[in-house]
Amino acid sequence: MKKEITVQIQIYIEKNITKPITLQKLSKALNYSPYYISRVFKEITGQNIFDYIRKIRLTHAAKILRDQDVKVLDVAIDFMFDSHEGFTRAFSKTFDITPKSYQLSPQPIQYFTPYLIEIEKKEEIKMEAKPIFVQIIERPKRKAIIKRAKTATEYFTYCEEVGCDVWGMLTSVKEALNEPMGIWLPKSLIKPNTSLYVQGVEVPENYQGIVPEGFDIIDLPACELVIFQGEPYDDQDFRSQIGFVMESIEKYNPAVYGFSYDPNGYRFQYEPQGYRGYIEGRVIHR
């Protein structure tokens, strides 16, 4: 029940991020006392509700400053800051750069990423046969900014080693060619005593921007990719739903369609989001 309440709070905050949010409003919307809401949220997330709201607002504001030609004051007001000075102090403290400097010269910074809370269900989830959509695309030469772990082989062991906030840094890269991804590297790209699984984002071949401290930049050759995409699912069931699609991908026989997986290529997954289904890609050759 506490996890369900926390998810409801997260949803309410996201829907009302540009409006005044108070404990009283949350209490009325969720039908729980302000004290109980505050205590439960802190217990599940480890964060004070209003610290969480401030981080969400500052991250939204940073994305707008990065991508749009707007006045800093207008962004401050849109995200419920009382003044330009207050917004600048909060932004600078969080990202170690002033909002104006960031707008003029965007660099990778640590965006705040609220993580999905998995809600345990007592009833068994029956997995019915579902279609998986497959397409082949081409990618040009490019680079990828990555964060390595030591021994991680998949997402959860990676988070245990490195933490789950790498995504926030990758999301902030203005020159990104697409969204961040989890990557299973080929042997040729694995450094000694580092992990098979990393997180990263692709950038143009001629990228000259900043590589954040602790990250590496690698070259990716032009290639063809086979992209697998499962059907949309309920975010609360993400582990079982993703597991089902991943198992189905492993059973897929590419030779039937005239290609094979490139042993020198990589495999990747985008952030699981229920509204679009699980997406995974692999490098192929014909």
Protein backbone atom coordinates (compact mmCIF):
# COMPACT_ATOMS: atom_id res chain seq x y z
CA MET A 1 0.00 0.00 0.00
CA LYS A 2 2.80 2.45 0.81
CA LYS A 3 4.39 1.95 -2.60
CA GLU A 4 1.04 2.53 -4.30
CA ILE A 5 0.60 5.79 -2.38
CA THR A 6 4.12 6.91 -3.33
CA VAL A 7 3.43 6.23 -7.01
CA GLN A 8 0.21 8.26 -6.76
CA ILE A 9 2.20 11.13 -5.24
CA GLN A 10 4.75 10.95 -8.09
CA ILE A 11 1.99 11.02 -10.69
CA TYR A 12 0.27 13.98 -9.02
CA ILE A 13 3.55 15.92 -8.86
CA GLU A 14 4.36 15.30 -12.52
CA LYS A 15 0.88 16.40 -13.64
CA ASN A 16 1.02 19.55 -11.53
CA ILE A 17 4.71 20.43 -11.76
CA THR A 18 4.02 23.98 -13.05
CA LYS A 19 1.32 24.63 -10.42
CA PRO A 20 1.52 25.30 -6.69
CA ILE A 21 1.77 22.00 -4.78
CA THR A 22 1.11 21.81 -1.06
CA LEU A 23 0.69 18.95 1.38
CA GLN A 24 -2.91 20.02 1.80
CA LYS A 25 -3.57 19.67 -1.93
CA LEU A 26 -1.85 16.29 -2.01
CA SER A 27 -3.85 15.22 1.02
CA LYS A 28 -7.12 16.17 -0.63
CA ALA A 29 -6.20 14.49 -3.92
CA LEU A 30 -5.09 11.21 -2.31
CA ASN A 31 -7.44 11.14 0.70
CA TYR A 32 -4.68 10.66 3.25
CA SER A 33 -3.47 13.02 5.96
CA PRO A 34 -0.59 15.41 5.12
CA TYR A 35 1.53 13.82 7.86
CA TYR A 36 0.97 10.29 6.54
CA ILE A 37 1.71 11.27 2.93
CA SER A 38 4.93 13.00 3.93
CA ARG A 39 6.08 10.09 6.11
CA VAL A 40 5.29 7.40 3.53
CA PHE A 41 7.02 9.26 0.69
CA LYS A 42 10.18 9.71 2.75
CA GLU A 43 10.13 6.06 3.82
CA ILE A 44 9.84 4.70 0.27
CA THR A 45 12.02 7.18 -1.65
CA GLY A 46 14.37 8.41 1.06
CA GLN A 47 13.52 11.99 0.07
CA ASN A 48 11.48 14.83 1.41
CA ILE A 49 8.51 15.55 -0.88
CA PHE A 50 9.46 19.17 -1.48
CA ASP A 51 13.12 18.34 -2.14
CA TYR A 52 11.84 15.88 -4.73
CA ILE A 53 9.54 18.50 -6.28
CA ARG A 54 12.39 21.04 -6.47
CA LYS A 55 14.66 18.53 -8.24
CA ILE A 56 11.93 17.68 -10.75
CA ARG A 57 11.24 21.36 -11.44
CA LEU A 58 14.90 22.25 -11.86
CA THR A 59 15.44 19.36 -14.27
CA HIS A 60 12.43 20.38 -16.38
CA ALA A 61 13.71 23.96 -16.33
CA ALA A 62 17.20 22.85 -17.41
CA LYS A 63 15.78 20.97 -20.41
CA ILE A 64 13.86 24.05 -21.52
CA LEU A 65 16.90 26.30 -21.15
CA ARG A 66 18.96 23.80 -23.14
CA ASP A 67 16.47 23.44 -26.00
CA GLN A 68 14.54 26.70 -26.26
CA ASP A 69 15.30 30.39 -26.69
CA VAL A 70 13.53 31.68 -23.59
CA LYS A 71 14.16 34.15 -20.79
CA VAL A 72 15.54 32.71 -17.58
CA LEU A 73 13.01 34.71 -15.58
CA ASP A 74 10.10 33.24 -17.54
CA VAL A 75 11.35 29.71 -16.87
CA ALA A 76 11.79 30.53 -13.18
CA ILE A 77 8.21 31.78 -12.93
CA ASP A 78 6.83 28.83 -14.91
CA PHE A 79 8.34 26.44 -12.38
CA MET A 80 7.07 28.31 -9.32
CA PHE A 81 10.22 30.15 -8.24
CA ASP A 82 9.52 33.56 -6.69
CA SER A 83 12.41 35.39 -8.30
CA HIS A 84 15.24 35.23 -10.82
CA GLU A 85 17.72 35.30 -7.92
CA GLY A 86 16.06 32.41 -6.06
CA PHE A 87 15.94 30.30 -9.19
CA THR A 88 19.58 31.05 -10.02
CA ARG A 89 20.69 30.08 -6.50
CA ALA A 90 18.76 26.81 -6.59
CA PHE A 91 19.90 25.96 -10.14
CA SER A 92 23.54 26.77 -9.40
CA LYS A 93 23.54 24.77 -6.17
CA THR A 94 22.02 21.74 -7.91
CA PHE A 95 23.95 21.76 -11.20
CA ASP A 96 27.09 23.78 -10.32
CA ILE A 97 26.43 26.22 -13.18
CA THR A 98 24.18 29.27 -13.46
CA PRO A 99 21.04 28.91 -15.60
CA LYS A 100 22.20 31.63 -17.99
CA SER A 101 25.63 30.05 -18.46
CA TYR A 102 23.98 26.69 -19.05
CA GLN A 103 21.61 28.18 -21.60
CA LEU A 104 24.47 29.82 -23.51
CA SER A 105 26.72 26.77 -23.42
CA PRO A 106 24.91 23.54 -22.46
CA GLN A 107 27.13 20.85 -21.01
CA PRO A 108 26.37 17.46 -19.45
CA ILE A 109 24.92 17.96 -15.97
CA GLN A 110 23.22 15.62 -13.54
CA TYR A 111 19.51 15.77 -14.31
CA PHE A 112 17.28 14.27 -11.64
CA THR A 113 15.59 11.04 -12.72
CA PRO A 114 12.66 9.76 -10.64
CA TYR A 115 12.81 6.00 -10.69
CA LEU A 116 9.88 3.70 -11.22
CA ILE A 117 8.67 2.01 -8.05
CA GLU A 118 7.75 -1.59 -8.69
CA ILE A 119 4.56 -2.60 -6.94
CA GLU A 120 4.39 -6.21 -5.89
CA LYS A 121 1.19 -7.99 -6.84
CA LYS A 122 -0.06 -11.05 -5.03
CA GLU A 123 -1.94 -12.48 -7.98
CA GLU A 124 -0.04 -14.40 -10.63
CA ILE A 125 0.41 -12.56 -13.91
CA LYS A 126 -0.59 -14.76 -16.82
CA MET A 127 1.59 -14.12 -19.82
CA GLU A 128 -0.34 -14.51 -23.04
CA ALA A 129 1.27 -14.71 -26.45
CA LYS A 130 1.84 -11.17 -27.73
CA PRO A 131 3.35 -9.87 -30.95
CA ILE A 132 6.84 -8.40 -31.05
CA PHE A 133 7.48 -5.87 -33.79
CA VAL A 134 10.77 -6.17 -35.70
CA GLN A 135 12.44 -3.68 -38.02
CA ILE A 136 15.93 -3.19 -39.47
CA ILE A 137 17.53 0.26 -39.50
CA GLU A 138 20.89 1.72 -40.49
CA ARG A 139 23.14 3.80 -38.25
CA PRO A 140 26.09 5.94 -39.49
CA LYS A 141 29.48 6.20 -37.81
CA ARG A 142 29.09 7.86 -34.43
CA LYS A 143 30.47 7.93 -30.91
CA ALA A 144 28.96 7.03 -27.55
CA ILE A 145 29.55 8.57 -24.14
CA ILE A 146 29.45 5.70 -21.66
CA LYS A 147 29.82 5.03 -17.95
CA ARG A 148 31.46 1.69 -17.18
CA ALA A 149 30.97 -0.51 -14.13
CA LYS A 150 33.31 -3.29 -12.94
CA THR A 151 31.41 -6.56 -13.29
CA ALA A 152 27.80 -5.66 -14.22
CA THR A 153 26.08 -7.86 -16.77
CA GLU A 154 22.64 -6.23 -16.77
CA TYR A 155 20.68 -3.21 -15.48
CA PHE A 156 20.12 -4.21 -11.86
CA THR A 157 23.70 -5.28 -11.13
CA TYR A 158 24.85 -2.10 -12.88
CA CYS A 159 22.72 0.04 -10.55
CA GLU A 160 24.13 -1.80 -7.55
CA GLU A 161 27.68 -0.98 -8.66
CA VAL A 162 27.35 2.48 -10.17
CA GLY A 163 24.01 3.81 -8.92
CA CYS A 164 20.84 4.64 -10.80
CA ASP A 165 21.52 8.31 -11.50
CA VAL A 166 23.77 7.91 -14.58
CA TRP A 167 20.67 8.30 -16.77
CA GLY A 168 20.23 11.87 -15.54
CA MET A 169 23.67 12.85 -16.79
CA LEU A 170 23.20 11.12 -20.14
CA THR A 171 19.79 12.71 -20.66
CA SER A 172 21.35 16.16 -20.36
CA VAL A 173 23.68 15.73 -23.36
CA LYS A 174 22.35 18.26 -25.88
CA GLU A 175 24.12 16.70 -28.87
CA ALA A 176 22.64 13.23 -28.24
CA LEU A 177 21.48 11.46 -31.39
CA ASN A 178 18.82 9.55 -29.49
CA GLU A 179 17.81 8.71 -25.95
CA PRO A 180 20.20 7.09 -23.43
CA MET A 181 20.48 3.33 -23.44
CA GLY A 182 21.86 0.36 -21.57
CA ILE A 183 24.53 -1.35 -23.71
CA TRP A 184 26.06 -4.81 -23.73
CA LEU A 185 29.49 -4.12 -25.22
CA PRO A 186 31.41 -6.44 -27.57
CA LYS A 187 34.73 -7.76 -26.25
CA SER A 188 36.64 -5.26 -28.39
CA LEU A 189 35.17 -2.32 -26.47
CA ILE A 190 35.52 -3.71 -22.94
CA LYS A 191 38.51 -2.38 -21.01
CA PRO A 192 40.33 -4.70 -18.57
CA ASN A 193 38.49 -5.05 -15.25
CA THR A 194 35.38 -3.27 -16.52
CA SER A 195 31.87 -4.47 -17.20
CA LEU A 196 30.05 -6.03 -20.11
CA TYR A 197 27.00 -3.83 -19.42
CA VAL A 198 27.29 -0.03 -19.43
CA GLN A 199 24.98 2.92 -19.83
CA GLY A 200 25.55 5.52 -22.52
CA VAL A 201 24.22 7.85 -25.18
CA GLU A 202 25.17 8.17 -28.85
CA VAL A 203 26.60 11.45 -30.15
CA PRO A 204 27.82 12.54 -33.61
CA GLU A 205 31.12 11.22 -34.96
CA ASN A 206 32.59 14.74 -34.76
CA TYR A 207 31.46 15.37 -31.17
CA GLN A 208 33.76 17.90 -29.50
CA GLY A 209 31.76 18.53 -26.35
CA ILE A 210 32.57 17.76 -22.74
CA VAL A 211 32.87 14.15 -21.60
CA PRO A 212 31.77 14.11 -17.94
CA GLU A 213 34.29 13.02 -15.34
CA GLY A 214 34.27 9.25 -14.91
CA PHE A 215 32.78 8.65 -18.37
CA ASP A 216 34.48 7.37 -21.54
CA ILE A 217 33.82 8.10 -25.20
CA ILE A 218 33.99 5.26 -27.72
CA ASP A 219 33.73 4.98 -31.51
CA LEU A 220 30.82 3.08 -33.04
CA PRO A 221 31.11 2.03 -36.70
CA ALA A 222 28.33 2.34 -39.25
CA CYS A 223 26.05 -0.66 -38.93
CA GLU A 224 22.66 -2.21 -39.39
CA LEU A 225 20.50 -2.87 -36.35
CA VAL A 226 17.54 -5.13 -35.81
CA ILE A 227 15.09 -3.43 -33.43
CA PHE A 228 12.63 -5.46 -31.34
CA GLN A 229 9.65 -3.74 -29.71
CA GLY A 230 7.10 -5.37 -27.46
CA GLU A 231 3.53 -4.22 -26.91
CA PRO A 232 2.66 -1.52 -24.35
CA TYR A 233 2.31 -2.75 -20.78
CA ASP A 234 1.37 -1.60 -17.29
CA ASP A 235 4.42 0.11 -15.73
CA GLN A 236 3.71 -1.62 -12.44
CA ASP A 237 4.38 -4.99 -14.11
CA PHE A 238 7.56 -3.92 -15.88
CA ARG A 239 9.86 -6.72 -14.69
CA SER A 240 7.61 -9.57 -15.78
CA GLN A 241 6.59 -7.89 -19.02
CA ILE A 242 10.16 -7.03 -20.00
CA GLY A 243 11.31 -10.52 -19.06
CA PHE A 244 8.70 -12.00 -21.35
CA VAL A 245 9.86 -9.91 -24.33
CA MET A 246 13.55 -10.62 -23.64
CA GLU A 247 12.87 -14.35 -23.56
CA SER A 248 11.00 -14.08 -26.86
CA ILE A 249 13.93 -12.21 -28.43
CA GLU A 250 16.31 -14.97 -27.38
CA LYS A 251 14.11 -17.47 -29.22
CA TYR A 252 14.12 -15.39 -32.40
CA ASN A 253 16.11 -16.99 -35.24
CA PRO A 254 17.60 -14.22 -37.45
CA ALA A 255 18.92 -16.72 -40.00
CA VAL A 256 15.35 -17.35 -41.16
CA TYR A 257 15.30 -13.72 -42.33
CA GLY A 258 18.69 -13.70 -44.02
CA PHE A 259 20.96 -12.17 -41.39
CA SER A 260 22.83 -12.99 -38.18
CA TYR A 261 23.89 -11.13 -35.06
CA ASP A 262 27.32 -9.55 -35.42
CA PRO A 263 29.63 -11.04 -32.74
CA ASN A 264 31.67 -7.83 -32.88
CA GLY A 265 28.58 -5.65 -32.48
CA TYR A 266 26.72 -4.48 -29.43
CA ARG A 267 23.26 -5.01 -27.99
CA PHE A 268 21.25 -2.24 -26.34
CA GLN A 269 18.00 -1.49 -24.55
CA TYR A 270 16.14 1.78 -24.20
CA GLU A 271 14.55 2.84 -20.93
CA PRO A 272 11.52 0.60 -20.33
CA GLN A 273 8.38 2.71 -20.63
CA GLY A 274 5.04 0.98 -20.53
CA TYR A 275 3.28 3.26 -23.01
CA ARG A 276 5.54 2.12 -25.87
CA GLY A 277 6.67 -1.35 -24.86
CA TYR A 278 10.15 -2.74 -24.25
CA ILE A 279 12.70 -1.87 -26.99
CA GLU A 280 15.94 -3.73 -27.64
CA GLY A 281 18.40 -3.60 -30.56
CA ARG A 282 21.27 -5.72 -31.83
CA VAL A 283 23.94 -5.17 -34.48
CA ILE A 284 23.57 -7.52 -37.44
CA HIS A 285 25.36 -8.51 -40.61
CA ARG A 286 24.06 -10.23 -43.72
